[in-house]
Amino acid sequence: TTFMFPGSTDTSAHDMSRTGTIVGEFNTGSAQRAFMVHSGG
């Protein structure tokens, strides 16, 4: 399954917990921010 943070130009995923939480970073072209994906959100 591939995914992008909504509205981002680039998304990188770095880790995932056993319970399904994914963390990484996204870039909008002007800002770089950390993100979390949990339960599909």
PDB file of all heavy atoms in Angstrom:
ATOM      1  N   THR A   1       0.854  -1.180   0.000  1.00  0.00           N
ATOM      2  CA  THR A   1       0.000   0.000   0.000  1.00  0.00           C
ATOM      3  C   THR A   1       0.890   1.230   0.000  1.00  0.00           C
ATOM      4  O   THR A   1       1.773   1.357   0.848  1.00  0.00           O
ATOM      5  CB  THR A   1      -0.914   0.034   1.237  1.00  0.00           C
ATOM      6  OG1 THR A   1      -1.715  -1.142   1.265  1.00  0.00           O
ATOM      7  CG2 THR A   1      -1.807   1.263   1.212  1.00  0.00           C
ATOM      8  N   THR A   2       0.705   2.117  -0.960  1.00  0.00           N
ATOM      9  CA  THR A   2       1.480   3.355  -0.995  1.00  0.00           C
ATOM     10  C   THR A   2       0.634   4.502  -0.458  1.00  0.00           C
ATOM     11  O   THR A   2      -0.595   4.475  -0.529  1.00  0.00           O
ATOM     12  CB  THR A   2       1.948   3.677  -2.419  1.00  0.00           C
ATOM     13  OG1 THR A   2       0.813   3.897  -3.265  1.00  0.00           O
ATOM     14  CG2 THR A   2       2.779   2.529  -2.982  1.00  0.00           C
ATOM     15  N   PHE A   3       1.296   5.521   0.078  1.00  0.00           N
ATOM     16  CA  PHE A   3       0.540   6.631   0.676  1.00  0.00           C
ATOM     17  C   PHE A   3       1.353   7.914   0.653  1.00  0.00           C
ATOM     18  O   PHE A   3       2.583   7.896   0.638  1.00  0.00           O
ATOM     19  CB  PHE A   3       0.123   6.302   2.107  1.00  0.00           C
ATOM     20  CG  PHE A   3       1.264   5.935   3.031  1.00  0.00           C
ATOM     21  CD1 PHE A   3       1.924   6.907   3.771  1.00  0.00           C
ATOM     22  CD2 PHE A   3       1.670   4.608   3.168  1.00  0.00           C
ATOM     23  CE1 PHE A   3       2.964   6.579   4.615  1.00  0.00           C
ATOM     24  CE2 PHE A   3       2.714   4.271   4.012  1.00  0.00           C
ATOM     25  CZ  PHE A   3       3.364   5.250   4.744  1.00  0.00           C
ATOM     26  N   MET A   4       0.624   9.028   0.641  1.00  0.00           N
ATOM     27  CA  MET A   4       1.197  10.367   0.718  1.00  0.00           C
ATOM     28  C   MET A   4       0.439  11.147   1.780  1.00  0.00           C
ATOM     29  O   MET A   4      -0.783  11.007   1.916  1.00  0.00           O
ATOM     30  CB  MET A   4       1.058  11.095  -0.623  1.00  0.00           C
ATOM     31  CG  MET A   4       1.824  10.472  -1.771  1.00  0.00           C
ATOM     32  SD  MET A   4       3.580  10.883  -1.745  1.00  0.00           S
ATOM     33  CE  MET A   4       3.546  12.634  -2.143  1.00  0.00           C
ATOM     34  N   PHE A   5       1.155  11.977   2.542  1.00  0.00           N
ATOM     35  CA  PHE A   5       0.474  12.875   3.454  1.00  0.00           C
ATOM     36  C   PHE A   5      -0.365  13.833   2.609  1.00  0.00           C
ATOM     37  O   PHE A   5       0.123  14.385   1.620  1.00  0.00           O
ATOM     38  CB  PHE A   5       1.466  13.647   4.307  1.00  0.00           C
ATOM     39  CG  PHE A   5       0.832  14.400   5.445  1.00  0.00           C
ATOM     40  CD1 PHE A   5       0.719  13.808   6.692  1.00  0.00           C
ATOM     41  CD2 PHE A   5       0.341  15.688   5.258  1.00  0.00           C
ATOM     42  CE1 PHE A   5       0.138  14.494   7.747  1.00  0.00           C
ATOM     43  CE2 PHE A   5      -0.250  16.370   6.305  1.00  0.00           C
ATOM     44  CZ  PHE A   5      -0.360  15.781   7.557  1.00  0.00           C
ATOM     45  N   PRO A   6      -1.634  14.043   2.949  1.00  0.00           N
ATOM     46  CA  PRO A   6      -2.509  14.888   2.128  1.00  0.00           C
ATOM     47  C   PRO A   6      -1.903  16.257   1.836  1.00  0.00           C
ATOM     48  O   PRO A   6      -1.473  16.960   2.744  1.00  0.00           O
ATOM     49  CB  PRO A   6      -3.775  15.012   2.980  1.00  0.00           C
ATOM     50  CG  PRO A   6      -3.794  13.765   3.806  1.00  0.00           C
ATOM     51  CD  PRO A   6      -2.351  13.477   4.112  1.00  0.00           C
ATOM     52  N   GLY A   7      -1.844  16.619   0.555  1.00  0.00           N
ATOM     53  CA  GLY A   7      -1.341  17.918   0.150  1.00  0.00           C
ATOM     54  C   GLY A   7       0.165  18.017   0.038  1.00  0.00           C
ATOM     55  O   GLY A   7       0.682  19.094  -0.279  1.00  0.00           O
ATOM     56  N   SER A   8       0.892  16.929   0.279  1.00  0.00           N
ATOM     57  CA  SER A   8       2.353  16.988   0.257  1.00  0.00           C
ATOM     58  C   SER A   8       2.901  16.677  -1.128  1.00  0.00           C
ATOM     59  O   SER A   8       2.264  16.007  -1.944  1.00  0.00           O
ATOM     60  CB  SER A   8       2.939  15.996   1.263  1.00  0.00           C
ATOM     61  OG  SER A   8       2.705  14.654   0.858  1.00  0.00           O
ATOM     62  N   THR A   9       4.100  17.183  -1.392  1.00  0.00           N
ATOM     63  CA  THR A   9       4.815  16.846  -2.619  1.00  0.00           C
ATOM     64  C   THR A   9       5.701  15.626  -2.425  1.00  0.00           C
ATOM     65  O   THR A   9       5.988  14.908  -3.382  1.00  0.00           O
ATOM     66  CB  THR A   9       5.683  18.024  -3.084  1.00  0.00           C
ATOM     67  OG1 THR A   9       6.599  18.383  -2.038  1.00  0.00           O
ATOM     68  CG2 THR A   9       4.820  19.236  -3.419  1.00  0.00           C
ATOM     69  N   ASP A  10       6.149  15.401  -1.190  1.00  0.00           N
ATOM     70  CA  ASP A  10       6.993  14.253  -0.846  1.00  0.00           C
ATOM     71  C   ASP A  10       6.612  13.756   0.537  1.00  0.00           C
ATOM     72  O   ASP A  10       6.349  14.552   1.447  1.00  0.00           O
ATOM     73  CB  ASP A  10       8.473  14.644  -0.856  1.00  0.00           C
ATOM     74  CG  ASP A  10       8.968  15.024  -2.229  1.00  0.00           C
ATOM     75  OD1 ASP A  10       9.376  14.116  -2.984  1.00  0.00           O
ATOM     76  OD2 ASP A  10       8.929  16.230  -2.554  1.00  0.00           O
ATOM     77  N   THR A  11       6.621  12.437   0.689  1.00  0.00           N
ATOM     78  CA  THR A  11       6.333  11.813   1.980  1.00  0.00           C
ATOM     79  C   THR A  11       7.336  10.688   2.205  1.00  0.00           C
ATOM     80  O   THR A  11       7.577   9.878   1.304  1.00  0.00           O
ATOM     81  CB  THR A  11       4.911  11.234   2.017  1.00  0.00           C
ATOM     82  OG1 THR A  11       3.967  12.294   1.865  1.00  0.00           O
ATOM     83  CG2 THR A  11       4.638  10.510   3.326  1.00  0.00           C
ATOM     84  N   SER A  12       7.934  10.644   3.380  1.00  0.00           N
ATOM     85  CA  SER A  12       8.876   9.583   3.743  1.00  0.00           C
ATOM     86  C   SER A  12       8.421   8.933   5.029  1.00  0.00           C
ATOM     87  O   SER A  12       8.072   9.630   5.993  1.00  0.00           O
ATOM     88  CB  SER A  12      10.291  10.148   3.923  1.00  0.00           C
ATOM     89  OG  SER A  12      10.765  10.729   2.726  1.00  0.00           O
ATOM     90  N   ALA A  13       8.412   7.600   5.048  1.00  0.00           N
ATOM     91  CA  ALA A  13       8.027   6.842   6.242  1.00  0.00           C
ATOM     92  C   ALA A  13       9.265   6.178   6.820  1.00  0.00           C
ATOM     93  O   ALA A  13      10.018   5.521   6.096  1.00  0.00           O
ATOM     94  CB  ALA A  13       6.974   5.792   5.883  1.00  0.00           C
ATOM     95  N   HIS A  14       9.479   6.330   8.135  1.00  0.00           N
ATOM     96  CA  HIS A  14      10.716   5.874   8.761  1.00  0.00           C
ATOM     97  C   HIS A  14      10.540   4.737   9.765  1.00  0.00           C
ATOM     98  O   HIS A  14      11.487   3.993  10.013  1.00  0.00           O
ATOM     99  CB  HIS A  14      11.413   7.045   9.451  1.00  0.00           C
ATOM    100  CG  HIS A  14      11.813   8.137   8.517  1.00  0.00           C
ATOM    101  ND1 HIS A  14      12.468   7.913   7.336  1.00  0.00           N
ATOM    102  CD2 HIS A  14      11.623   9.487   8.582  1.00  0.00           C
ATOM    103  CE1 HIS A  14      12.688   9.065   6.716  1.00  0.00           C
ATOM    104  NE2 HIS A  14      12.175  10.035   7.450  1.00  0.00           N
ATOM    105  N   ASP A  15       9.372   4.603  10.362  1.00  0.00           N
ATOM    106  CA  ASP A  15       9.228   3.563  11.378  1.00  0.00           C
ATOM    107  C   ASP A  15       7.754   3.215  11.541  1.00  0.00           C
ATOM    108  O   ASP A  15       6.861   3.976  11.149  1.00  0.00           O
ATOM    109  CB  ASP A  15       9.810   4.032  12.717  1.00  0.00           C
ATOM    110  CG  ASP A  15      10.156   2.873  13.649  1.00  0.00           C
ATOM    111  OD1 ASP A  15      10.094   1.699  13.207  1.00  0.00           O
ATOM    112  OD2 ASP A  15      10.494   3.130  14.824  1.00  0.00           O
ATOM    113  N   MET A  16       7.512   2.057  12.149  1.00  0.00           N
ATOM    114  CA  MET A  16       6.152   1.602  12.400  1.00  0.00           C
ATOM    115  C   MET A  16       6.144   0.767  13.673  1.00  0.00           C
ATOM    116  O   MET A  16       7.020  -0.062  13.890  1.00  0.00           O
ATOM    117  CB  MET A  16       5.635   0.771  11.232  1.00  0.00           C
ATOM    118  CG  MET A  16       4.215   0.269  11.398  1.00  0.00           C
ATOM    119  SD  MET A  16       3.658  -0.618   9.915  1.00  0.00           S
ATOM    120  CE  MET A  16       1.992  -1.080  10.430  1.00  0.00           C
ATOM    121  N   SER A  17       5.149   0.987  14.518  1.00  0.00           N
ATOM    122  CA  SER A  17       5.023   0.205  15.740  1.00  0.00           C
ATOM    123  C   SER A  17       4.250  -1.081  15.463  1.00  0.00           C
ATOM    124  O   SER A  17       3.583  -1.224  14.427  1.00  0.00           O
ATOM    125  CB  SER A  17       4.290   1.018  16.815  1.00  0.00           C
ATOM    126  OG  SER A  17       2.919   1.159  16.467  1.00  0.00           O
ATOM    127  N   ARG A  18       4.317  -1.996  16.402  1.00  0.00           N
ATOM    128  CA  ARG A  18       3.573  -3.253  16.268  1.00  0.00           C
ATOM    129  C   ARG A  18       2.076  -2.997  16.218  1.00  0.00           C
ATOM    130  O   ARG A  18       1.316  -3.757  15.608  1.00  0.00           O
ATOM    131  CB  ARG A  18       3.919  -4.181  17.434  1.00  0.00           C
ATOM    132  CG  ARG A  18       3.214  -5.532  17.407  1.00  0.00           C
ATOM    133  CD  ARG A  18       3.628  -6.383  18.596  1.00  0.00           C
ATOM    134  NE  ARG A  18       3.371  -5.685  19.858  1.00  0.00           N
ATOM    135  CZ  ARG A  18       2.189  -5.648  20.450  1.00  0.00           C
ATOM    136  NH1 ARG A  18       1.155  -6.261  19.918  1.00  0.00           N
ATOM    137  NH2 ARG A  18       2.048  -5.001  21.593  1.00  0.00           N
ATOM    138  N   THR A  19       1.641  -1.900  16.826  1.00  0.00           N
ATOM    139  CA  THR A  19       0.224  -1.571  16.867  1.00  0.00           C
ATOM    140  C   THR A  19      -0.239  -0.804  15.625  1.00  0.00           C
ATOM    141  O   THR A  19      -1.405  -0.421  15.543  1.00  0.00           O
ATOM    142  CB  THR A  19      -0.094  -0.745  18.123  1.00  0.00           C
ATOM    143  OG1 THR A  19       0.768   0.401  18.181  1.00  0.00           O
ATOM    144  CG2 THR A  19       0.119  -1.577  19.377  1.00  0.00           C
ATOM    145  N   GLY A  20       0.666  -0.561  14.665  1.00  0.00           N
ATOM    146  CA  GLY A  20       0.270   0.009  13.384  1.00  0.00           C
ATOM    147  C   GLY A  20       0.471   1.493  13.215  1.00  0.00           C
ATOM    148  O   GLY A  20       0.054   2.043  12.189  1.00  0.00           O
ATOM    149  N   THR A  21       1.099   2.167  14.156  1.00  0.00           N
ATOM    150  CA  THR A  21       1.376   3.601  14.011  1.00  0.00           C
ATOM    151  C   THR A  21       2.624   3.806  13.159  1.00  0.00           C
ATOM    152  O   THR A  21       3.673   3.228  13.437  1.00  0.00           O
ATOM    153  CB  THR A  21       1.564   4.272  15.379  1.00  0.00           C
ATOM    154  OG1 THR A  21       0.373   4.137  16.140  1.00  0.00           O
ATOM    155  CG2 THR A  21       1.879   5.749  15.212  1.00  0.00           C
ATOM    156  N   ILE A  22       2.503   4.613  12.115  1.00  0.00           N
ATOM    157  CA  ILE A  22       3.609   4.927  11.217  1.00  0.00           C
ATOM    158  C   ILE A  22       4.028   6.375  11.443  1.00  0.00           C
ATOM    159  O   ILE A  22       3.177   7.248  11.609  1.00  0.00           O
ATOM    160  CB  ILE A  22       3.201   4.729   9.750  1.00  0.00           C
ATOM    161  CG1 ILE A  22       2.820   3.269   9.487  1.00  0.00           C
ATOM    162  CG2 ILE A  22       4.322   5.155   8.802  1.00  0.00           C
ATOM    163  CD1 ILE A  22       2.225   3.030   8.104  1.00  0.00           C
ATOM    164  N   VAL A  23       5.340   6.633  11.441  1.00  0.00           N
ATOM    165  CA  VAL A  23       5.839   8.006  11.572  1.00  0.00           C
ATOM    166  C   VAL A  23       6.824   8.306  10.466  1.00  0.00           C
ATOM    167  O   VAL A  23       7.436   7.399   9.882  1.00  0.00           O
ATOM    168  CB  VAL A  23       6.500   8.264  12.942  1.00  0.00           C
ATOM    169  CG1 VAL A  23       5.503   8.106  14.077  1.00  0.00           C
ATOM    170  CG2 VAL A  23       7.710   7.354  13.149  1.00  0.00           C
ATOM    171  N   GLY A  24       6.966   9.589  10.176  1.00  0.00           N
ATOM    172  CA  GLY A  24       7.899  10.010   9.144  1.00  0.00           C
ATOM    173  C   GLY A  24       7.882  11.513   8.977  1.00  0.00           C
ATOM    174  O   GLY A  24       7.717  12.248   9.950  1.00  0.00           O
ATOM    175  N   GLU A  25       8.020  11.965   7.721  1.00  0.00           N
ATOM    176  CA  GLU A  25       8.026  13.387   7.434  1.00  0.00           C
ATOM    177  C   GLU A  25       7.315  13.632   6.104  1.00  0.00           C
ATOM    178  O   GLU A  25       7.268  12.742   5.246  1.00  0.00           O
ATOM    179  CB  GLU A  25       9.440  13.937   7.372  1.00  0.00           C
ATOM    180  CG  GLU A  25      10.105  13.720   6.024  1.00  0.00           C
ATOM    181  CD  GLU A  25      11.588  13.432   6.122  1.00  0.00           C
ATOM    182  OE1 GLU A  25      11.978  12.521   6.860  1.00  0.00           O
ATOM    183  OE2 GLU A  25      12.339  14.127   5.432  1.00  0.00           O
ATOM    184  N   PHE A  26       6.789  14.812   5.937  1.00  0.00           N
ATOM    185  CA  PHE A  26       6.230  15.200   4.654  1.00  0.00           C
ATOM    186  C   PHE A  26       6.731  16.595   4.311  1.00  0.00           C
ATOM    187  O   PHE A  26       7.150  17.363   5.178  1.00  0.00           O
ATOM    188  CB  PHE A  26       4.694  15.167   4.678  1.00  0.00           C
ATOM    189  CG  PHE A  26       4.045  16.228   5.537  1.00  0.00           C
ATOM    190  CD1 PHE A  26       3.658  17.448   5.001  1.00  0.00           C
ATOM    191  CD2 PHE A  26       3.820  16.004   6.892  1.00  0.00           C
ATOM    192  CE1 PHE A  26       3.057  18.425   5.787  1.00  0.00           C
ATOM    193  CE2 PHE A  26       3.215  16.973   7.694  1.00  0.00           C
ATOM    194  CZ  PHE A  26       2.829  18.187   7.133  1.00  0.00           C
ATOM    195  N   ASN A  27       6.693  16.906   3.020  1.00  0.00           N
ATOM    196  CA  ASN A  27       7.168  18.194   2.529  1.00  0.00           C
ATOM    197  C   ASN A  27       6.127  18.777   1.592  1.00  0.00           C
ATOM    198  O   ASN A  27       5.645  18.097   0.683  1.00  0.00           O
ATOM    199  CB  ASN A  27       8.507  18.026   1.799  1.00  0.00           C
ATOM    200  CG  ASN A  27       9.285  19.321   1.690  1.00  0.00           C
ATOM    201  OD1 ASN A  27       8.729  20.339   1.286  1.00  0.00           O
ATOM    202  ND2 ASN A  27      10.559  19.284   2.037  1.00  0.00           N
ATOM    203  N   THR A  28       5.788  20.027   1.804  1.00  0.00           N
ATOM    204  CA  THR A  28       4.816  20.704   0.954  1.00  0.00           C
ATOM    205  C   THR A  28       5.479  21.556  -0.119  1.00  0.00           C
ATOM    206  O   THR A  28       4.800  22.223  -0.890  1.00  0.00           O
ATOM    207  CB  THR A  28       3.900  21.603   1.803  1.00  0.00           C
ATOM    208  OG1 THR A  28       4.701  22.617   2.436  1.00  0.00           O
ATOM    209  CG2 THR A  28       3.167  20.796   2.843  1.00  0.00           C
ATOM    210  N   GLY A  29       6.809  21.529  -0.154  1.00  0.00           N
ATOM    211  CA  GLY A  29       7.550  22.394  -1.063  1.00  0.00           C
ATOM    212  C   GLY A  29       8.080  23.626  -0.374  1.00  0.00           C
ATOM    213  O   GLY A  29       9.072  24.216  -0.806  1.00  0.00           O
ATOM    214  N   SER A  30       7.438  23.997   0.720  1.00  0.00           N
ATOM    215  CA  SER A  30       7.883  25.165   1.475  1.00  0.00           C
ATOM    216  C   SER A  30       8.119  24.850   2.945  1.00  0.00           C
ATOM    217  O   SER A  30       8.675  25.672   3.669  1.00  0.00           O
ATOM    218  CB  SER A  30       6.858  26.304   1.372  1.00  0.00           C
ATOM    219  OG  SER A  30       5.600  25.889   1.896  1.00  0.00           O
ATOM    220  N   ALA A  31       7.682  23.666   3.377  1.00  0.00           N
ATOM    221  CA  ALA A  31       7.833  23.309   4.783  1.00  0.00           C
ATOM    222  C   ALA A  31       8.018  21.805   4.922  1.00  0.00           C
ATOM    223  O   ALA A  31       7.440  21.022   4.157  1.00  0.00           O
ATOM    224  CB  ALA A  31       6.619  23.754   5.588  1.00  0.00           C
ATOM    225  N   GLN A  32       8.835  21.419   5.896  1.00  0.00           N
ATOM    226  CA  GLN A  32       9.078  20.017   6.226  1.00  0.00           C
ATOM    227  C   GLN A  32       8.562  19.760   7.625  1.00  0.00           C
ATOM    228  O   GLN A  32       8.944  20.449   8.566  1.00  0.00           O
ATOM    229  CB  GLN A  32      10.575  19.705   6.141  1.00  0.00           C
ATOM    230  CG  GLN A  32      10.945  18.279   6.480  1.00  0.00           C
ATOM    231  CD  GLN A  32      12.457  18.077   6.516  1.00  0.00           C
ATOM    232  OE1 GLN A  32      13.189  18.998   6.874  1.00  0.00           O
ATOM    233  NE2 GLN A  32      12.912  16.909   6.161  1.00  0.00           N
ATOM    234  N   ARG A  33       7.686  18.769   7.778  1.00  0.00           N
ATOM    235  CA  ARG A  33       7.055  18.525   9.062  1.00  0.00           C
ATOM    236  C   ARG A  33       6.986  17.021   9.349  1.00  0.00           C
ATOM    237  O   ARG A  33       6.881  16.194   8.437  1.00  0.00           O
ATOM    238  CB  ARG A  33       5.632  19.091   9.091  1.00  0.00           C
ATOM    239  CG  ARG A  33       5.550  20.599   8.888  1.00  0.00           C
ATOM    240  CD  ARG A  33       6.068  21.362  10.102  1.00  0.00           C
ATOM    241  NE  ARG A  33       5.838  22.792   9.980  1.00  0.00           N
ATOM    242  CZ  ARG A  33       6.715  23.658   9.481  1.00  0.00           C
ATOM    243  NH1 ARG A  33       7.889  23.214   9.058  1.00  0.00           N
ATOM    244  NH2 ARG A  33       6.429  24.943   9.408  1.00  0.00           N
ATOM    245  N   ALA A  34       6.993  16.697  10.630  1.00  0.00           N
ATOM    246  CA  ALA A  34       6.819  15.312  11.066  1.00  0.00           C
ATOM    247  C   ALA A  34       5.343  14.941  11.008  1.00  0.00           C
ATOM    248  O   ALA A  34       4.467  15.789  11.165  1.00  0.00           O
ATOM    249  CB  ALA A  34       7.350  15.152  12.488  1.00  0.00           C
ATOM    250  N   PHE A  35       5.078  13.642  10.788  1.00  0.00           N
ATOM    251  CA  PHE A  35       3.699  13.192  10.778  1.00  0.00           C
ATOM    252  C   PHE A  35       3.560  11.825  11.430  1.00  0.00           C
ATOM    253  O   PHE A  35       4.531  11.101  11.627  1.00  0.00           O
ATOM    254  CB  PHE A  35       3.131  13.136   9.346  1.00  0.00           C
ATOM    255  CG  PHE A  35       3.602  11.937   8.545  1.00  0.00           C
ATOM    256  CD1 PHE A  35       2.922  10.722   8.597  1.00  0.00           C
ATOM    257  CD2 PHE A  35       4.705  12.030   7.716  1.00  0.00           C
ATOM    258  CE1 PHE A  35       3.347   9.620   7.858  1.00  0.00           C
ATOM    259  CE2 PHE A  35       5.139  10.941   6.969  1.00  0.00           C
ATOM    260  CZ  PHE A  35       4.456   9.732   7.045  1.00  0.00           C
ATOM    261  N   MET A  36       2.306  11.485  11.711  1.00  0.00           N
ATOM    262  CA  MET A  36       1.938  10.190  12.259  1.00  0.00           C
ATOM    263  C   MET A  36       0.706   9.688  11.518  1.00  0.00           C
ATOM    264  O   MET A  36      -0.189  10.469  11.186  1.00  0.00           O
ATOM    265  CB  MET A  36       1.637  10.310  13.761  1.00  0.00           C
ATOM    266  CG  MET A  36       1.058   9.065  14.409  1.00  0.00           C
ATOM    267  SD  MET A  36       0.566   9.365  16.142  1.00  0.00           S
ATOM    268  CE  MET A  36       2.178   9.709  16.870  1.00  0.00           C
ATOM    269  N   VAL A  37       0.672   8.392  11.224  1.00  0.00           N
ATOM    270  CA  VAL A  37      -0.518   7.754  10.679  1.00  0.00           C
ATOM    271  C   VAL A  37      -0.986   6.719  11.694  1.00  0.00           C
ATOM    272  O   VAL A  37      -0.218   5.843  12.098  1.00  0.00           O
ATOM    273  CB  VAL A  37      -0.251   7.052   9.337  1.00  0.00           C
ATOM    274  CG1 VAL A  37      -1.538   6.416   8.803  1.00  0.00           C
ATOM    275  CG2 VAL A  37       0.316   8.025   8.326  1.00  0.00           C
ATOM    276  N   HIS A  38      -2.237   6.841  12.103  1.00  0.00           N
ATOM    277  CA  HIS A  38      -2.792   5.906  13.072  1.00  0.00           C
ATOM    278  C   HIS A  38      -4.240   5.620  12.716  1.00  0.00           C
ATOM    279  O   HIS A  38      -5.021   6.546  12.485  1.00  0.00           O
ATOM    280  CB  HIS A  38      -2.702   6.470  14.495  1.00  0.00           C
ATOM    281  CG  HIS A  38      -3.201   5.531  15.548  1.00  0.00           C
ATOM    282  ND1 HIS A  38      -2.572   4.337  15.835  1.00  0.00           N
ATOM    283  CD2 HIS A  38      -4.278   5.594  16.374  1.00  0.00           C
ATOM    284  CE1 HIS A  38      -3.231   3.723  16.799  1.00  0.00           C
ATOM    285  NE2 HIS A  38      -4.269   4.455  17.128  1.00  0.00           N
ATOM    286  N   SER A  39      -4.572   4.337  12.633  1.00  0.00           N
ATOM    287  CA  SER A  39      -5.935   3.908  12.290  1.00  0.00           C
ATOM    288  C   SER A  39      -6.412   4.551  10.995  1.00  0.00           C
ATOM    289  O   SER A  39      -7.579   4.932  10.853  1.00  0.00           O
ATOM    290  CB  SER A  39      -6.898   4.247  13.435  1.00  0.00           C
ATOM    291  OG  SER A  39      -6.524   3.598  14.633  1.00  0.00           O
ATOM    292  N   GLY A  40      -5.488   4.694  10.038  1.00  0.00           N
ATOM    293  CA  GLY A  40      -5.828   5.238   8.737  1.00  0.00           C
ATOM    294  C   GLY A  40      -5.897   6.738   8.660  1.00  0.00           C
ATOM    295  O   GLY A  40      -6.145   7.297   7.589  1.00  0.00           O
ATOM    296  N   GLY A  41      -5.687   7.439   9.781  1.00  0.00           N
ATOM    297  CA  GLY A  41      -5.759   8.896   9.798  1.00  0.00           C
ATOM    298  C   GLY A  41      -4.384   9.530   9.840  1.00  0.00           C
ATOM    299  O   GLY A  41      -3.518   9.088  10.601  1.00  0.00           O
TER     300      GLY A  41
END
